[in-house]
Amino acid sequence: MNRKDFLKGLGLASLGTFVAGGISTGKNEITNKPLNNCTLIPSETAGPYPLDLSENNYYFRQDIREDRAGVQLNVKMRIVGSVNCEPMSNLRVNIWHCDRVGNYSGYQSETGLTYLRGYQITDSNGEVEFVTVFPGWYNGRICHIHFQVYVSSVYSAVSQLTFPIEEKNAIYAANSDLYTKGDDPLGFSQDNIFSDGYGLQLATLTPNEETGGYDSYLEVTVEGSGVTGLINHEPETGGQFTLGSNYPNPFSSSSTIPFTLNNAAQVKMELFDLNARKISTLINNRLGAGDHTVVVNRQQNGAMLPAGNYAYKIEVTNEYGIYKQMKLLSIQ
């Protein structure tokens, strides 16, 4: 299977953005601080530089730097549901941002390039991680990173994050050979996105002694219910099957993946790492309608898999067509 087919297995291409009426933006215009610990992330424009990441072979990746120079930035985001403030697993999170001089891949002089864009799937703790470079700034906008959380075929949360001004400008000053434009001249009040509040979108910045760069963290609340289920989670299964979450998860030796077929079908399930490299085929059989399980072992191809996150993808083929879905599992 090639990478493009793998990406299509997520079944979440070209989803529209839906914002329910009457929902608080979560911004306190006086204090710029969150109104509570589980307030919906403010909805923002996708910006002038979005791309449909699912249409490119390279975007399912943690390291999105490619050839871009800059201070290493490790971005971690945790997605929680507004219903119960619990983590939401198996959601796709896209991020994209400009490089150190303010350029975006895919546009103007950068047409055809793909740097600083990528997506991951949230793990059992609702988290995704990316390795990138600290973004620069461009005229009219404060330094920022775009992100989009796909929850269902009718709802995705689109927003932006930014950083504390003093810490951000200290990075630019300490690395003036890379960030030659100097300090970001704008404050939050001068930016058309963050001028109405930024408390829920202000990511942390912590030095990372190992990489010489920085770690950043942001918790994002979206519409839905964590752990026990997702609101309007409608994968492209065509009503042909239901794929459950593996249990236990995380696991140390083996875990069971349940699924139900509504009609007899050829079923293939494969295991991948987070850069779409196939590890093994877990099953490839003709099965009847009903409940089924597949056991995934930590030992694969004669070797023990390292601790971390992996994706399992099911492909169901029957007289009605081919249907796919993907979820994440964690080895501890």
C-alpha atoms as a PDB file:
ATOM      1  CA  MET A   1       0.000   0.000   0.000  1.00  0.00           C
ATOM      2  CA  ASN A   2       1.375   3.422  -0.907  1.00  0.00           C
ATOM      3  CA  ARG A   3       1.348   6.417   1.410  1.00  0.00           C
ATOM      4  CA  LYS A   4      -1.508   8.140  -0.406  1.00  0.00           C
ATOM      5  CA  ASP A   5      -3.795   5.151   0.138  1.00  0.00           C
ATOM      6  CA  PHE A   6      -2.711   5.096   3.764  1.00  0.00           C
ATOM      7  CA  LEU A   7      -3.663   8.724   4.227  1.00  0.00           C
ATOM      8  CA  LYS A   8      -7.048   8.210   2.598  1.00  0.00           C
ATOM      9  CA  GLY A   9      -7.669   5.532   5.214  1.00  0.00           C
ATOM     10  CA  LEU A  10      -8.333   8.234   7.736  1.00  0.00           C
ATOM     11  CA  GLY A  11     -11.588   8.988   5.923  1.00  0.00           C
ATOM     12  CA  LEU A  12     -11.541  12.644   6.930  1.00  0.00           C
ATOM     13  CA  ALA A  13     -10.650  14.498   3.759  1.00  0.00           C
ATOM     14  CA  SER A  14     -12.150  17.863   2.945  1.00  0.00           C
ATOM     15  CA  LEU A  15     -14.297  18.270   6.046  1.00  0.00           C
ATOM     16  CA  GLY A  16     -16.107  21.559   6.466  1.00  0.00           C
ATOM     17  CA  THR A  17     -15.997  23.730   9.549  1.00  0.00           C
ATOM     18  CA  PHE A  18     -19.139  23.953  11.656  1.00  0.00           C
ATOM     19  CA  VAL A  19     -19.568  26.401  14.513  1.00  0.00           C
ATOM     20  CA  ALA A  20     -22.705  25.984  16.587  1.00  0.00           C
ATOM     21  CA  GLY A  21     -24.567  29.191  17.384  1.00  0.00           C
ATOM     22  CA  GLY A  22     -24.633  30.616  20.870  1.00  0.00           C
ATOM     23  CA  ILE A  23     -21.365  29.022  22.073  1.00  0.00           C
ATOM     24  CA  SER A  24     -18.965  31.110  24.112  1.00  0.00           C
ATOM     25  CA  THR A  25     -15.621  31.918  22.552  1.00  0.00           C
ATOM     26  CA  GLY A  26     -13.981  31.336  25.920  1.00  0.00           C
ATOM     27  CA  LYS A  27     -12.199  34.687  25.844  1.00  0.00           C
ATOM     28  CA  ASN A  28     -12.385  37.108  28.737  1.00  0.00           C
ATOM     29  CA  GLU A  29     -11.872  40.440  27.009  1.00  0.00           C
ATOM     30  CA  ILE A  30     -10.619  42.044  30.216  1.00  0.00           C
ATOM     31  CA  THR A  31      -8.227  39.457  31.607  1.00  0.00           C
ATOM     32  CA  ASN A  32      -7.521  37.393  28.466  1.00  0.00           C
ATOM     33  CA  LYS A  33      -7.676  34.274  30.643  1.00  0.00           C
ATOM     34  CA  PRO A  34      -9.758  31.111  30.217  1.00  0.00           C
ATOM     35  CA  LEU A  35     -13.270  31.341  31.649  1.00  0.00           C
ATOM     36  CA  ASN A  36     -12.957  27.805  33.051  1.00  0.00           C
ATOM     37  CA  ASN A  37     -10.878  24.668  32.721  1.00  0.00           C
ATOM     38  CA  CYS A  38     -12.960  23.244  29.871  1.00  0.00           C
ATOM     39  CA  THR A  39     -13.958  26.106  27.565  1.00  0.00           C
ATOM     40  CA  LEU A  40     -14.287  25.666  23.807  1.00  0.00           C
ATOM     41  CA  ILE A  41     -11.265  26.857  21.856  1.00  0.00           C
ATOM     42  CA  PRO A  42     -12.083  30.084  19.981  1.00  0.00           C
ATOM     43  CA  SER A  43     -12.890  29.514  16.342  1.00  0.00           C
ATOM     44  CA  GLU A  44     -10.509  31.368  14.018  1.00  0.00           C
ATOM     45  CA  THR A  45      -9.951  31.691  10.305  1.00  0.00           C
ATOM     46  CA  ALA A  46      -7.961  28.964   8.624  1.00  0.00           C
ATOM     47  CA  GLY A  47      -5.917  31.845   7.248  1.00  0.00           C
ATOM     48  CA  PRO A  48      -4.872  32.650   3.708  1.00  0.00           C
ATOM     49  CA  TYR A  49      -2.548  29.649   3.567  1.00  0.00           C
ATOM     50  CA  PRO A  50      -4.435  26.408   4.357  1.00  0.00           C
ATOM     51  CA  LEU A  51      -4.020  23.261   2.267  1.00  0.00           C
ATOM     52  CA  ASP A  52      -5.960  19.991   2.281  1.00  0.00           C
ATOM     53  CA  LEU A  53      -3.264  17.912   3.949  1.00  0.00           C
ATOM     54  CA  SER A  54      -4.985  14.612   3.208  1.00  0.00           C
ATOM     55  CA  GLU A  55      -4.337  15.049  -0.508  1.00  0.00           C
ATOM     56  CA  ASN A  56      -0.542  14.861  -0.175  1.00  0.00           C
ATOM     57  CA  ASN A  57       1.525  11.759   0.483  1.00  0.00           C
ATOM     58  CA  TYR A  58       3.872  13.374   2.971  1.00  0.00           C
ATOM     59  CA  TYR A  59       1.735  15.042   5.605  1.00  0.00           C
ATOM     60  CA  PHE A  60       1.125  12.152   8.018  1.00  0.00           C
ATOM     61  CA  ARG A  61       4.275  12.810  10.032  1.00  0.00           C
ATOM     62  CA  GLN A  62       5.512  14.079  13.364  1.00  0.00           C
ATOM     63  CA  ASP A  63       8.610  15.869  12.055  1.00  0.00           C
ATOM     64  CA  ILE A  64       7.370  18.564   9.675  1.00  0.00           C
ATOM     65  CA  ARG A  65      10.608  20.562   9.299  1.00  0.00           C
ATOM     66  CA  GLU A  66      11.948  19.197   6.006  1.00  0.00           C
ATOM     67  CA  ASP A  67      14.768  21.603   5.034  1.00  0.00           C
ATOM     68  CA  ARG A  68      13.662  24.597   7.136  1.00  0.00           C
ATOM     69  CA  ALA A  69      16.296  26.137   9.395  1.00  0.00           C
ATOM     70  CA  GLY A  70      15.336  27.462  12.805  1.00  0.00           C
ATOM     71  CA  VAL A  71      15.259  26.725  16.518  1.00  0.00           C
ATOM     72  CA  GLN A  72      13.720  23.308  17.140  1.00  0.00           C
ATOM     73  CA  LEU A  73      10.220  23.457  18.611  1.00  0.00           C
ATOM     74  CA  ASN A  74       8.454  20.365  19.970  1.00  0.00           C
ATOM     75  CA  VAL A  75       4.708  21.035  19.953  1.00  0.00           C
ATOM     76  CA  LYS A  76       2.368  18.942  22.104  1.00  0.00           C
ATOM     77  CA  MET A  77      -1.395  19.455  22.039  1.00  0.00           C
ATOM     78  CA  ARG A  78      -3.994  17.701  24.196  1.00  0.00           C
ATOM     79  CA  ILE A  79      -7.565  17.562  22.904  1.00  0.00           C
ATOM     80  CA  VAL A  80     -10.399  17.281  25.428  1.00  0.00           C
ATOM     81  CA  GLY A  81     -14.171  17.163  25.027  1.00  0.00           C
ATOM     82  CA  SER A  82     -16.403  19.968  26.266  1.00  0.00           C
ATOM     83  CA  VAL A  83     -19.023  17.536  27.625  1.00  0.00           C
ATOM     84  CA  ASN A  84     -16.834  15.986  30.334  1.00  0.00           C
ATOM     85  CA  CYS A  85     -13.357  17.580  29.980  1.00  0.00           C
ATOM     86  CA  GLU A  86     -11.836  14.153  29.264  1.00  0.00           C
ATOM     87  CA  PRO A  87      -9.297  13.394  26.498  1.00  0.00           C
ATOM     88  CA  MET A  88     -10.580  12.602  23.011  1.00  0.00           C
ATOM     89  CA  SER A  89      -8.672   9.875  21.198  1.00  0.00           C
ATOM     90  CA  ASN A  90      -8.423   9.028  17.500  1.00  0.00           C
ATOM     91  CA  LEU A  91      -8.996  12.548  16.201  1.00  0.00           C
ATOM     92  CA  ARG A  92      -6.906  13.983  13.381  1.00  0.00           C
ATOM     93  CA  VAL A  93      -5.037  17.198  14.207  1.00  0.00           C
ATOM     94  CA  ASN A  94      -3.493  19.307  11.420  1.00  0.00           C
ATOM     95  CA  ILE A  95      -0.938  22.050  12.034  1.00  0.00           C
ATOM     96  CA  TRP A  96       0.717  24.488   9.642  1.00  0.00           C
ATOM     97  CA  HIS A  97       2.738  27.689  10.031  1.00  0.00           C
ATOM     98  CA  CYS A  98       5.249  29.991   8.366  1.00  0.00           C
ATOM     99  CA  ASP A  99       9.017  29.504   8.425  1.00  0.00           C
ATOM    100  CA  ARG A 100      11.551  31.737  10.182  1.00  0.00           C
ATOM    101  CA  VAL A 101      11.232  34.498   7.562  1.00  0.00           C
ATOM    102  CA  GLY A 102       7.431  34.424   7.264  1.00  0.00           C
ATOM    103  CA  ASN A 103       6.903  32.219   4.204  1.00  0.00           C
ATOM    104  CA  TYR A 104       4.286  29.459   3.907  1.00  0.00           C
ATOM    105  CA  SER A 105       4.852  26.352   1.819  1.00  0.00           C
ATOM    106  CA  GLY A 106       2.543  25.917  -1.144  1.00  0.00           C
ATOM    107  CA  TYR A 107       2.060  29.616  -1.912  1.00  0.00           C
ATOM    108  CA  GLN A 108       3.660  32.336  -4.052  1.00  0.00           C
ATOM    109  CA  SER A 109       7.400  31.674  -4.319  1.00  0.00           C
ATOM    110  CA  GLU A 110       6.936  28.500  -2.260  1.00  0.00           C
ATOM    111  CA  THR A 111       4.417  26.830  -4.614  1.00  0.00           C
ATOM    112  CA  GLY A 112       4.993  23.080  -4.757  1.00  0.00           C
ATOM    113  CA  LEU A 113       6.798  22.942  -1.402  1.00  0.00           C
ATOM    114  CA  THR A 114       5.389  21.120   1.637  1.00  0.00           C
ATOM    115  CA  TYR A 115       7.427  22.189   4.672  1.00  0.00           C
ATOM    116  CA  LEU A 116       5.943  22.973   8.107  1.00  0.00           C
ATOM    117  CA  ARG A 117       2.667  21.139   7.534  1.00  0.00           C
ATOM    118  CA  GLY A 118       1.532  17.830   8.948  1.00  0.00           C
ATOM    119  CA  TYR A 119      -0.994  15.910  10.958  1.00  0.00           C
ATOM    120  CA  GLN A 120      -1.187  13.243  13.623  1.00  0.00           C
ATOM    121  CA  ILE A 121      -3.914  11.255  15.390  1.00  0.00           C
ATOM    122  CA  THR A 122      -4.610  11.816  19.086  1.00  0.00           C
ATOM    123  CA  ASP A 123      -3.573   8.967  21.389  1.00  0.00           C
ATOM    124  CA  SER A 124      -5.438   7.542  24.403  1.00  0.00           C
ATOM    125  CA  ASN A 125      -4.519  10.653  26.391  1.00  0.00           C
ATOM    126  CA  GLY A 126      -5.869  12.919  23.645  1.00  0.00           C
ATOM    127  CA  GLU A 127      -2.352  14.061  22.712  1.00  0.00           C
ATOM    128  CA  VAL A 128      -0.447  14.672  19.497  1.00  0.00           C
ATOM    129  CA  GLU A 129       3.175  15.757  19.131  1.00  0.00           C
ATOM    130  CA  PHE A 130       5.050  17.495  16.321  1.00  0.00           C
ATOM    131  CA  VAL A 131       8.682  18.440  15.740  1.00  0.00           C
ATOM    132  CA  THR A 132       9.051  21.731  13.899  1.00  0.00           C
ATOM    133  CA  VAL A 133      11.000  25.007  13.988  1.00  0.00           C
ATOM    134  CA  PHE A 134       9.987  28.108  15.874  1.00  0.00           C
ATOM    135  CA  PRO A 135       7.989  30.254  13.439  1.00  0.00           C
ATOM    136  CA  GLY A 136       8.920  33.784  12.490  1.00  0.00           C
ATOM    137  CA  TRP A 137       6.489  36.615  11.870  1.00  0.00           C
ATOM    138  CA  TYR A 138       5.279  38.656   8.923  1.00  0.00           C
ATOM    139  CA  ASN A 139       3.749  42.104   8.530  1.00  0.00           C
ATOM    140  CA  GLY A 140       0.307  42.441  10.067  1.00  0.00           C
ATOM    141  CA  ARG A 141       0.378  39.226  12.126  1.00  0.00           C
ATOM    142  CA  ILE A 142       1.929  38.233  15.409  1.00  0.00           C
ATOM    143  CA  CYS A 143       3.851  34.946  15.523  1.00  0.00           C
ATOM    144  CA  HIS A 144       1.338  32.050  15.422  1.00  0.00           C
ATOM    145  CA  ILE A 145       0.621  28.425  14.465  1.00  0.00           C
ATOM    146  CA  HIS A 146      -2.590  27.300  12.764  1.00  0.00           C
ATOM    147  CA  PHE A 147      -4.295  24.065  13.799  1.00  0.00           C
ATOM    148  CA  GLN A 148      -7.450  22.157  12.943  1.00  0.00           C
ATOM    149  CA  VAL A 149      -9.046  19.325  14.945  1.00  0.00           C
ATOM    150  CA  TYR A 150     -11.294  17.031  12.911  1.00  0.00           C
ATOM    151  CA  VAL A 151     -14.054  15.626  15.127  1.00  0.00           C
ATOM    152  CA  SER A 152     -16.598  14.393  12.572  1.00  0.00           C
ATOM    153  CA  SER A 153     -17.794  14.801   9.009  1.00  0.00           C
ATOM    154  CA  VAL A 154     -19.754  17.911  10.017  1.00  0.00           C
ATOM    155  CA  TYR A 155     -17.546  19.515  12.643  1.00  0.00           C
ATOM    156  CA  SER A 156     -13.921  20.523  12.882  1.00  0.00           C
ATOM    157  CA  ALA A 157     -12.431  23.091  15.244  1.00  0.00           C
ATOM    158  CA  VAL A 158     -10.146  25.589  13.493  1.00  0.00           C
ATOM    159  CA  SER A 159      -7.998  27.896  15.586  1.00  0.00           C
ATOM    160  CA  GLN A 160      -4.531  29.360  16.122  1.00  0.00           C
ATOM    161  CA  LEU A 161      -2.028  29.397  18.962  1.00  0.00           C
ATOM    162  CA  THR A 162       0.579  31.937  19.944  1.00  0.00           C
ATOM    163  CA  PHE A 163       3.308  32.373  22.569  1.00  0.00           C
ATOM    164  CA  PRO A 164       4.247  34.651  25.485  1.00  0.00           C
ATOM    165  CA  ILE A 165       5.769  37.793  23.997  1.00  0.00           C
ATOM    166  CA  GLU A 166       8.821  38.119  26.233  1.00  0.00           C
ATOM    167  CA  GLU A 167       9.885  34.472  25.827  1.00  0.00           C
ATOM    168  CA  LYS A 168       9.210  34.560  22.084  1.00  0.00           C
ATOM    169  CA  ASN A 169      11.307  37.659  21.452  1.00  0.00           C
ATOM    170  CA  ALA A 170      14.090  36.228  23.622  1.00  0.00           C
ATOM    171  CA  ILE A 171      14.300  33.311  21.161  1.00  0.00           C
ATOM    172  CA  TYR A 172      14.591  35.721  18.246  1.00  0.00           C
ATOM    173  CA  ALA A 173      17.274  37.769  20.039  1.00  0.00           C
ATOM    174  CA  ALA A 174      19.337  34.728  21.039  1.00  0.00           C
ATOM    175  CA  ASN A 175      19.250  33.401  17.474  1.00  0.00           C
ATOM    176  CA  SER A 176      19.584  36.596  15.456  1.00  0.00           C
ATOM    177  CA  ASP A 177      21.633  34.829  12.790  1.00  0.00           C
ATOM    178  CA  LEU A 178      18.528  32.791  11.948  1.00  0.00           C
ATOM    179  CA  TYR A 179      15.757  35.257  12.811  1.00  0.00           C
ATOM    180  CA  THR A 180      17.204  38.273  11.046  1.00  0.00           C
ATOM    181  CA  LYS A 181      13.990  40.347  11.212  1.00  0.00           C
ATOM    182  CA  GLY A 182      14.422  40.769  14.970  1.00  0.00           C
ATOM    183  CA  ASP A 183      11.676  41.109  17.566  1.00  0.00           C
ATOM    184  CA  ASP A 184       8.059  40.582  16.628  1.00  0.00           C
ATOM    185  CA  PRO A 185       6.775  44.205  16.636  1.00  0.00           C
ATOM    186  CA  LEU A 186       3.138  43.400  17.432  1.00  0.00           C
ATOM    187  CA  GLY A 187       1.397  42.834  20.736  1.00  0.00           C
ATOM    188  CA  PHE A 188      -1.747  40.780  21.210  1.00  0.00           C
ATOM    189  CA  SER A 189      -3.986  43.838  21.056  1.00  0.00           C
ATOM    190  CA  GLN A 190      -2.590  44.774  17.634  1.00  0.00           C
ATOM    191  CA  ASP A 191      -3.252  41.382  16.064  1.00  0.00           C
ATOM    192  CA  ASN A 192      -6.599  40.899  14.315  1.00  0.00           C
ATOM    193  CA  ILE A 193      -6.926  37.327  15.633  1.00  0.00           C
ATOM    194  CA  PHE A 194      -5.845  37.694  19.256  1.00  0.00           C
ATOM    195  CA  SER A 195      -6.986  41.280  19.937  1.00  0.00           C
ATOM    196  CA  ASP A 196     -10.277  40.031  21.431  1.00  0.00           C
ATOM    197  CA  GLY A 197      -8.517  37.649  23.819  1.00  0.00           C
ATOM    198  CA  TYR A 198      -5.834  34.999  23.737  1.00  0.00           C
ATOM    199  CA  GLY A 199      -5.900  33.163  27.086  1.00  0.00           C
ATOM    200  CA  LEU A 200      -7.100  29.856  25.639  1.00  0.00           C
ATOM    201  CA  GLN A 201      -4.614  30.049  22.769  1.00  0.00           C
ATOM    202  CA  LEU A 202      -1.433  30.949  24.645  1.00  0.00           C
ATOM    203  CA  ALA A 203       0.909  27.967  24.474  1.00  0.00           C
ATOM    204  CA  THR A 204       3.724  27.395  26.947  1.00  0.00           C
ATOM    205  CA  LEU A 205       7.397  27.700  26.018  1.00  0.00           C
ATOM    206  CA  THR A 206       9.936  25.629  27.981  1.00  0.00           C
ATOM    207  CA  PRO A 207      13.647  25.239  27.144  1.00  0.00           C
ATOM    208  CA  ASN A 208      14.648  21.720  26.138  1.00  0.00           C
ATOM    209  CA  GLU A 209      18.235  21.077  27.222  1.00  0.00           C
ATOM    210  CA  GLU A 210      18.532  17.913  25.154  1.00  0.00           C
ATOM    211  CA  THR A 211      17.669  19.525  21.797  1.00  0.00           C
ATOM    212  CA  GLY A 212      18.778  23.068  22.543  1.00  0.00           C
ATOM    213  CA  GLY A 213      15.322  24.159  21.436  1.00  0.00           C
ATOM    214  CA  TYR A 214      11.965  24.515  23.169  1.00  0.00           C
ATOM    215  CA  ASP A 215       8.897  22.491  24.137  1.00  0.00           C
ATOM    216  CA  SER A 216       5.431  23.966  23.731  1.00  0.00           C
ATOM    217  CA  TYR A 217       2.117  22.738  25.148  1.00  0.00           C
ATOM    218  CA  LEU A 218      -1.520  23.697  24.672  1.00  0.00           C
ATOM    219  CA  GLU A 219      -4.730  22.041  25.859  1.00  0.00           C
ATOM    220  CA  VAL A 220      -7.597  22.466  23.397  1.00  0.00           C
ATOM    221  CA  THR A 221     -11.276  21.909  24.176  1.00  0.00           C
ATOM    222  CA  VAL A 222     -13.592  20.965  21.307  1.00  0.00           C
ATOM    223  CA  GLU A 223     -17.220  19.908  21.111  1.00  0.00           C
ATOM    224  CA  GLY A 224     -17.568  16.296  22.161  1.00  0.00           C
ATOM    225  CA  SER A 225     -17.208  13.799  24.976  1.00  0.00           C
ATOM    226  CA  GLY A 226     -13.856  12.302  25.896  1.00  0.00           C
ATOM    227  CA  VAL A 227     -13.027   8.675  26.704  1.00  0.00           C
ATOM    228  CA  THR A 228     -16.594   7.332  26.523  1.00  0.00           C
ATOM    229  CA  GLY A 229     -17.297   8.467  22.981  1.00  0.00           C
ATOM    230  CA  LEU A 230     -17.313  11.271  20.449  1.00  0.00           C
ATOM    231  CA  ILE A 231     -20.141  13.549  19.411  1.00  0.00           C
ATOM    232  CA  ASN A 232     -21.012  13.122  15.713  1.00  0.00           C
ATOM    233  CA  HIS A 233     -17.997  10.894  15.098  1.00  0.00           C
ATOM    234  CA  GLU A 234     -18.911   9.542  11.641  1.00  0.00           C
ATOM    235  CA  PRO A 235     -16.006   7.783   9.940  1.00  0.00           C
ATOM    236  CA  GLU A 236     -16.348   6.806   6.300  1.00  0.00           C
ATOM    237  CA  THR A 237     -17.443   3.238   7.027  1.00  0.00           C
ATOM    238  CA  GLY A 238     -20.526   3.329   4.824  1.00  0.00           C
ATOM    239  CA  GLY A 239     -22.495   1.618   7.575  1.00  0.00           C
ATOM    240  CA  GLN A 240     -20.647  -1.610   6.761  1.00  0.00           C
ATOM    241  CA  PHE A 241     -18.681  -2.061   9.996  1.00  0.00           C
ATOM    242  CA  THR A 242     -17.872  -0.665  13.415  1.00  0.00           C
ATOM    243  CA  LEU A 243     -14.252  -0.564  14.587  1.00  0.00           C
ATOM    244  CA  GLY A 244     -13.792  -0.474  18.347  1.00  0.00           C
ATOM    245  CA  SER A 245     -10.861   0.813  20.365  1.00  0.00           C
ATOM    246  CA  ASN A 246      -8.264  -1.749  21.370  1.00  0.00           C
ATOM    247  CA  TYR A 247      -8.188  -2.986  24.963  1.00  0.00           C
ATOM    248  CA  PRO A 248      -6.240  -2.669  27.089  1.00  0.00           C
ATOM    249  CA  ASN A 249      -4.803   0.598  25.859  1.00  0.00           C
ATOM    250  CA  PRO A 250      -2.019   1.350  26.500  1.00  0.00           C
ATOM    251  CA  PHE A 251      -0.579  -2.171  26.758  1.00  0.00           C
ATOM    252  CA  SER A 252       2.774  -3.833  27.320  1.00  0.00           C
ATOM    253  CA  SER A 253       2.472  -7.285  25.709  1.00  0.00           C
ATOM    254  CA  SER A 254      -0.765  -7.681  23.723  1.00  0.00           C
ATOM    255  CA  SER A 255      -4.092  -5.993  23.077  1.00  0.00           C
ATOM    256  CA  THR A 256      -7.404  -6.909  21.444  1.00  0.00           C
ATOM    257  CA  ILE A 257      -9.051  -4.941  18.639  1.00  0.00           C
ATOM    258  CA  PRO A 258     -12.817  -5.528  18.326  1.00  0.00           C
ATOM    259  CA  PHE A 259     -14.872  -4.902  15.206  1.00  0.00           C
ATOM    260  CA  THR A 260     -18.321  -5.776  13.902  1.00  0.00           C
ATOM    261  CA  LEU A 261     -19.243  -6.506  10.281  1.00  0.00           C
ATOM    262  CA  ASN A 262     -22.767  -5.783   9.122  1.00  0.00           C
ATOM    263  CA  ASN A 263     -22.182  -7.914   6.021  1.00  0.00           C
ATOM    264  CA  ALA A 264     -19.730 -10.633   5.050  1.00  0.00           C
ATOM    265  CA  ALA A 265     -16.518  -9.105   3.699  1.00  0.00           C
ATOM    266  CA  GLN A 266     -12.822  -9.485   3.003  1.00  0.00           C
ATOM    267  CA  VAL A 267     -11.101  -7.861   5.980  1.00  0.00           C
ATOM    268  CA  LYS A 268      -7.528  -6.603   6.033  1.00  0.00           C
ATOM    269  CA  MET A 269      -6.050  -4.959   9.120  1.00  0.00           C
ATOM    270  CA  GLU A 270      -2.524  -3.551   9.135  1.00  0.00           C
ATOM    271  CA  LEU A 271      -0.244  -1.947  11.715  1.00  0.00           C
ATOM    272  CA  PHE A 272       1.806   1.194  10.943  1.00  0.00           C
ATOM    273  CA  ASP A 273       4.154   3.577  12.699  1.00  0.00           C
ATOM    274  CA  LEU A 274       3.312   7.291  12.806  1.00  0.00           C
ATOM    275  CA  ASN A 275       5.165   7.999   9.569  1.00  0.00           C
ATOM    276  CA  ALA A 276       2.984   5.538   7.603  1.00  0.00           C
ATOM    277  CA  ARG A 277       5.603   2.778   7.495  1.00  0.00           C
ATOM    278  CA  LYS A 278       3.897  -0.622   7.531  1.00  0.00           C
ATOM    279  CA  ILE A 279       4.945  -2.913  10.376  1.00  0.00           C
ATOM    280  CA  SER A 280       2.745  -5.966   9.745  1.00  0.00           C
ATOM    281  CA  THR A 281      -0.549  -7.340   8.466  1.00  0.00           C
ATOM    282  CA  LEU A 282      -2.657  -8.406  11.443  1.00  0.00           C
ATOM    283  CA  ILE A 283      -5.384 -10.140   9.422  1.00  0.00           C
ATOM    284  CA  ASN A 284      -6.378 -10.631   5.781  1.00  0.00           C
ATOM    285  CA  ASN A 285      -9.332 -13.025   5.664  1.00  0.00           C
ATOM    286  CA  ARG A 286     -12.879 -13.434   4.440  1.00  0.00           C
ATOM    287  CA  LEU A 287     -15.197 -13.091   7.450  1.00  0.00           C
ATOM    288  CA  GLY A 288     -18.913 -13.388   8.001  1.00  0.00           C
ATOM    289  CA  ALA A 289     -21.235 -10.785   9.457  1.00  0.00           C
ATOM    290  CA  GLY A 290     -21.031 -10.395  13.235  1.00  0.00           C
ATOM    291  CA  ASP A 291     -18.533  -9.591  15.987  1.00  0.00           C
ATOM    292  CA  HIS A 292     -14.824 -10.301  15.541  1.00  0.00           C
ATOM    293  CA  THR A 293     -11.534  -9.578  17.290  1.00  0.00           C
ATOM    294  CA  VAL A 294      -7.895  -9.319  16.286  1.00  0.00           C
ATOM    295  CA  VAL A 295      -5.035  -9.629  18.767  1.00  0.00           C
ATOM    296  CA  VAL A 296      -2.034  -7.369  18.241  1.00  0.00           C
ATOM    297  CA  ASN A 297       1.186  -8.433  19.957  1.00  0.00           C
ATOM    298  CA  ARG A 298       4.057  -6.202  20.897  1.00  0.00           C
ATOM    299  CA  GLN A 299       6.407  -8.686  19.281  1.00  0.00           C
ATOM    300  CA  GLN A 300       6.261  -8.170  15.544  1.00  0.00           C
ATOM    301  CA  ASN A 301       8.486  -9.814  12.924  1.00  0.00           C
ATOM    302  CA  GLY A 302      10.658 -11.371  15.624  1.00  0.00           C
ATOM    303  CA  ALA A 303      11.341  -8.092  17.444  1.00  0.00           C
ATOM    304  CA  MET A 304       9.720  -6.145  20.268  1.00  0.00           C
ATOM    305  CA  LEU A 305       8.168  -2.858  19.214  1.00  0.00           C
ATOM    306  CA  PRO A 306       9.473   0.197  21.115  1.00  0.00           C
ATOM    307  CA  ALA A 307       7.106   1.994  23.459  1.00  0.00           C
ATOM    308  CA  GLY A 308       5.050   4.619  21.687  1.00  0.00           C
ATOM    309  CA  ASN A 309       2.006   5.144  19.491  1.00  0.00           C
ATOM    310  CA  TYR A 310       1.054   3.127  16.413  1.00  0.00           C
ATOM    311  CA  ALA A 311      -1.849   3.218  13.961  1.00  0.00           C
ATOM    312  CA  TYR A 312      -4.032   0.258  13.041  1.00  0.00           C
ATOM    313  CA  LYS A 313      -6.064   0.451   9.860  1.00  0.00           C
ATOM    314  CA  ILE A 314      -8.959  -1.752   8.769  1.00  0.00           C
ATOM    315  CA  GLU A 315     -10.032  -2.188   5.145  1.00  0.00           C
ATOM    316  CA  VAL A 316     -13.379  -3.881   4.532  1.00  0.00           C
ATOM    317  CA  THR A 317     -14.224  -5.020   0.991  1.00  0.00           C
ATOM    318  CA  ASN A 318     -17.630  -6.407   0.042  1.00  0.00           C
ATOM    319  CA  GLU A 319     -20.213  -6.195  -2.731  1.00  0.00           C
ATOM    320  CA  TYR A 320     -21.013  -2.614  -1.732  1.00  0.00           C
ATOM    321  CA  GLY A 321     -17.483  -1.235  -2.018  1.00  0.00           C
ATOM    322  CA  ILE A 322     -14.262  -0.679  -0.063  1.00  0.00           C
ATOM    323  CA  TYR A 323     -14.421   1.022   3.351  1.00  0.00           C
ATOM    324  CA  LYS A 324     -11.567   2.060   5.621  1.00  0.00           C
ATOM    325  CA  GLN A 325     -10.925   3.452   9.076  1.00  0.00           C
ATOM    326  CA  MET A 326      -7.914   4.034  11.293  1.00  0.00           C
ATOM    327  CA  LYS A 327      -7.309   4.304  15.036  1.00  0.00           C
ATOM    328  CA  LEU A 328      -4.341   4.652  17.352  1.00  0.00           C
ATOM    329  CA  LEU A 329      -2.921   2.319  19.993  1.00  0.00           C
ATOM    330  CA  SER A 330      -0.207   2.885  22.584  1.00  0.00           C
ATOM    331  CA  ILE A 331       2.541   0.562  23.832  1.00  0.00           C
ATOM    332  CA  GLN A 332       3.996   1.343  27.245  1.00  0.00           C
END
